[in-house]
Amino acid sequence: ARASLEASHKELLTTAKELEALLRERTPNKHQVWNRSLLAERELVELRRQLEVYASEIDKLRAEKEAMGEEVESLCRQKAEVEKERERLADVQSRLKDELAEVARKH
């Protein structure tokens, strides 16, 4: 009975040591946690830097879009002015033709 008890005790000790080893493997030590924390902090700094770059690019694109919108509005106004001038010139041309026809009939 004593031998059986000692064997069981040794088995329990071995199992306890194995469990302790497994726990050490799975539980990160302070240095591992610190290193992971530093890496995460560096990644966060890099992501913030990239975010600033993207925000700057977005601001530039918005400014370009606004400038293009103003340019389009200006071109539309110019087009409308050209159309009005074209209509005016067509009216003048029509009147001149009528006057020429009238002069030709009289002579």
C-alpha atoms as a PDB file:
ATOM      1  CA  ALA A   1       0.000   0.000   0.000  1.00  0.00           C
ATOM      2  CA  ARG A   2       2.876   2.318   0.799  1.00  0.00           C
ATOM      3  CA  ALA A   3       4.510   1.648  -2.573  1.00  0.00           C
ATOM      4  CA  SER A   4       1.232   2.367  -4.317  1.00  0.00           C
ATOM      5  CA  LEU A   5       0.870   5.589  -2.346  1.00  0.00           C
ATOM      6  CA  GLU A   6       4.441   6.674  -3.249  1.00  0.00           C
ATOM      7  CA  ALA A   7       3.799   5.884  -6.917  1.00  0.00           C
ATOM      8  CA  SER A   8       0.631   7.960  -6.866  1.00  0.00           C
ATOM      9  CA  HIS A   9       2.507  10.776  -5.132  1.00  0.00           C
ATOM     10  CA  LYS A  10       5.260  10.717  -7.809  1.00  0.00           C
ATOM     11  CA  GLU A  11       2.600  10.710 -10.517  1.00  0.00           C
ATOM     12  CA  LEU A  12       0.912  13.713  -8.953  1.00  0.00           C
ATOM     13  CA  LEU A  13       4.250  15.550  -8.689  1.00  0.00           C
ATOM     14  CA  THR A  14       5.040  14.806 -12.326  1.00  0.00           C
ATOM     15  CA  THR A  15       1.592  15.954 -13.413  1.00  0.00           C
ATOM     16  CA  ALA A  16       1.949  19.136 -11.325  1.00  0.00           C
ATOM     17  CA  LYS A  17       5.351  19.858 -12.889  1.00  0.00           C
ATOM     18  CA  GLU A  18       3.951  19.273 -16.387  1.00  0.00           C
ATOM     19  CA  LEU A  19       1.022  21.571 -15.673  1.00  0.00           C
ATOM     20  CA  GLU A  20       3.366  24.226 -14.308  1.00  0.00           C
ATOM     21  CA  ALA A  21       5.542  23.990 -17.436  1.00  0.00           C
ATOM     22  CA  LEU A  22       2.478  24.300 -19.679  1.00  0.00           C
ATOM     23  CA  LEU A  23       1.296  27.309 -17.709  1.00  0.00           C
ATOM     24  CA  ARG A  24       4.712  28.989 -18.083  1.00  0.00           C
ATOM     25  CA  GLU A  25       4.659  28.350 -21.836  1.00  0.00           C
ATOM     26  CA  ARG A  26       1.203  29.837 -22.231  1.00  0.00           C
ATOM     27  CA  THR A  27       1.601  32.740 -19.843  1.00  0.00           C
ATOM     28  CA  PRO A  28       3.798  35.469 -21.295  1.00  0.00           C
ATOM     29  CA  ASN A  29       6.406  36.923 -18.982  1.00  0.00           C
ATOM     30  CA  LYS A  30       6.804  40.637 -18.283  1.00  0.00           C
ATOM     31  CA  HIS A  31       9.357  41.092 -21.069  1.00  0.00           C
ATOM     32  CA  GLN A  32       7.120  39.479 -23.661  1.00  0.00           C
ATOM     33  CA  VAL A  33       4.196  41.653 -22.592  1.00  0.00           C
ATOM     34  CA  TRP A  34       6.432  44.748 -22.645  1.00  0.00           C
ATOM     35  CA  ASN A  35       7.753  43.910 -26.123  1.00  0.00           C
ATOM     36  CA  ARG A  36       4.246  43.348 -27.459  1.00  0.00           C
ATOM     37  CA  SER A  37       3.160  46.624 -25.911  1.00  0.00           C
ATOM     38  CA  LEU A  38       6.053  48.494 -27.556  1.00  0.00           C
ATOM     39  CA  LEU A  39       5.286  46.914 -30.937  1.00  0.00           C
ATOM     40  CA  ALA A  40       1.617  47.828 -30.610  1.00  0.00           C
ATOM     41  CA  GLU A  41       2.563  51.396 -29.669  1.00  0.00           C
ATOM     42  CA  ARG A  42       4.874  51.690 -32.691  1.00  0.00           C
ATOM     43  CA  GLU A  43       2.149  50.343 -34.966  1.00  0.00           C
ATOM     44  CA  LEU A  44      -0.284  52.859 -33.503  1.00  0.00           C
ATOM     45  CA  VAL A  45       2.155  55.725 -34.140  1.00  0.00           C
ATOM     46  CA  GLU A  46       2.645  54.536 -37.729  1.00  0.00           C
ATOM     47  CA  LEU A  47      -1.107  54.244 -38.277  1.00  0.00           C
ATOM     48  CA  ARG A  48      -1.616  57.763 -36.935  1.00  0.00           C
ATOM     49  CA  ARG A  49       1.077  59.060 -39.298  1.00  0.00           C
ATOM     50  CA  GLN A  50      -0.591  57.312 -42.241  1.00  0.00           C
ATOM     51  CA  LEU A  51      -3.941  58.742 -41.171  1.00  0.00           C
ATOM     52  CA  GLU A  52      -2.462  62.251 -41.201  1.00  0.00           C
ATOM     53  CA  VAL A  53      -1.063  61.649 -44.700  1.00  0.00           C
ATOM     54  CA  TYR A  54      -4.451  60.396 -45.914  1.00  0.00           C
ATOM     55  CA  ALA A  55      -6.248  63.345 -44.298  1.00  0.00           C
ATOM     56  CA  SER A  56      -3.854  65.728 -46.037  1.00  0.00           C
ATOM     57  CA  GLU A  57      -4.474  64.023 -49.386  1.00  0.00           C
ATOM     58  CA  ILE A  58      -8.225  64.226 -48.837  1.00  0.00           C
ATOM     59  CA  ASP A  59      -7.930  67.961 -48.092  1.00  0.00           C
ATOM     60  CA  LYS A  60      -5.929  68.477 -51.296  1.00  0.00           C
ATOM     61  CA  LEU A  61      -8.493  66.540 -53.331  1.00  0.00           C
ATOM     62  CA  ARG A  62     -11.348  68.549 -51.813  1.00  0.00           C
ATOM     63  CA  ALA A  63      -9.564  71.790 -52.723  1.00  0.00           C
ATOM     64  CA  GLU A  64      -9.006  70.535 -56.281  1.00  0.00           C
ATOM     65  CA  LYS A  65     -12.656  69.507 -56.533  1.00  0.00           C
ATOM     66  CA  GLU A  66     -13.770  72.941 -55.349  1.00  0.00           C
ATOM     67  CA  ALA A  67     -11.440  74.667 -57.826  1.00  0.00           C
ATOM     68  CA  MET A  68     -12.736  72.443 -60.634  1.00  0.00           C
ATOM     69  CA  GLY A  69     -16.308  73.251 -59.649  1.00  0.00           C
ATOM     70  CA  GLU A  70     -15.548  76.972 -59.827  1.00  0.00           C
ATOM     71  CA  GLU A  71     -13.847  76.483 -63.183  1.00  0.00           C
ATOM     72  CA  VAL A  72     -16.839  74.542 -64.517  1.00  0.00           C
ATOM     73  CA  GLU A  73     -19.189  77.310 -63.352  1.00  0.00           C
ATOM     74  CA  SER A  74     -17.004  79.894 -65.080  1.00  0.00           C
ATOM     75  CA  LEU A  75     -16.951  77.858 -68.305  1.00  0.00           C
ATOM     76  CA  CYS A  76     -20.733  77.485 -68.184  1.00  0.00           C
ATOM     77  CA  ARG A  77     -21.127  81.258 -67.818  1.00  0.00           C
ATOM     78  CA  GLN A  78     -18.727  81.814 -70.734  1.00  0.00           C
ATOM     79  CA  LYS A  79     -20.653  79.302 -72.837  1.00  0.00           C
ATOM     80  CA  ALA A  80     -23.931  81.090 -72.097  1.00  0.00           C
ATOM     81  CA  GLU A  81     -22.337  84.430 -73.063  1.00  0.00           C
ATOM     82  CA  VAL A  82     -21.014  82.919 -76.312  1.00  0.00           C
ATOM     83  CA  GLU A  83     -24.476  81.509 -77.102  1.00  0.00           C
ATOM     84  CA  LYS A  84     -26.070  84.950 -76.521  1.00  0.00           C
ATOM     85  CA  GLU A  85     -23.454  86.597 -78.754  1.00  0.00           C
ATOM     86  CA  ARG A  86     -24.017  83.943 -81.421  1.00  0.00           C
ATOM     87  CA  GLU A  87     -27.774  84.613 -81.346  1.00  0.00           C
ATOM     88  CA  ARG A  88     -27.173  88.378 -81.542  1.00  0.00           C
ATOM     89  CA  LEU A  89     -24.834  87.909 -84.511  1.00  0.00           C
ATOM     90  CA  ALA A  90     -27.358  85.635 -86.221  1.00  0.00           C
ATOM     91  CA  ASP A  91     -30.002  88.363 -85.784  1.00  0.00           C
ATOM     92  CA  VAL A  92     -27.605  90.995 -87.198  1.00  0.00           C
ATOM     93  CA  GLN A  93     -26.777  88.715 -90.125  1.00  0.00           C
ATOM     94  CA  SER A  94     -30.467  88.134 -90.806  1.00  0.00           C
ATOM     95  CA  ARG A  95     -31.197  91.883 -90.737  1.00  0.00           C
ATOM     96  CA  LEU A  96     -28.252  92.573 -93.059  1.00  0.00           C
ATOM     97  CA  LYS A  97     -29.518  89.977 -95.532  1.00  0.00           C
ATOM     98  CA  ASP A  98     -32.976  91.542 -95.402  1.00  0.00           C
ATOM     99  CA  GLU A  99     -31.513  95.021 -95.959  1.00  0.00           C
ATOM    100  CA  LEU A 100     -29.389  93.725 -98.868  1.00  0.00           C
ATOM    101  CA  ALA A 101     -32.414  92.101-100.404  1.00  0.00           C
ATOM    102  CA  GLU A 102     -34.367  95.363 -99.994  1.00  0.00           C
ATOM    103  CA  VAL A 103     -31.517  97.404-101.592  1.00  0.00           C
ATOM    104  CA  ALA A 104     -31.282  94.910-104.452  1.00  0.00           C
ATOM    105  CA  ARG A 105     -35.040  95.206-105.134  1.00  0.00           C
ATOM    106  CA  LYS A 106     -34.930  98.985-105.192  1.00  0.00           C
ATOM    107  CA  HIS A 107     -32.039  99.107-107.677  1.00  0.00           C
END
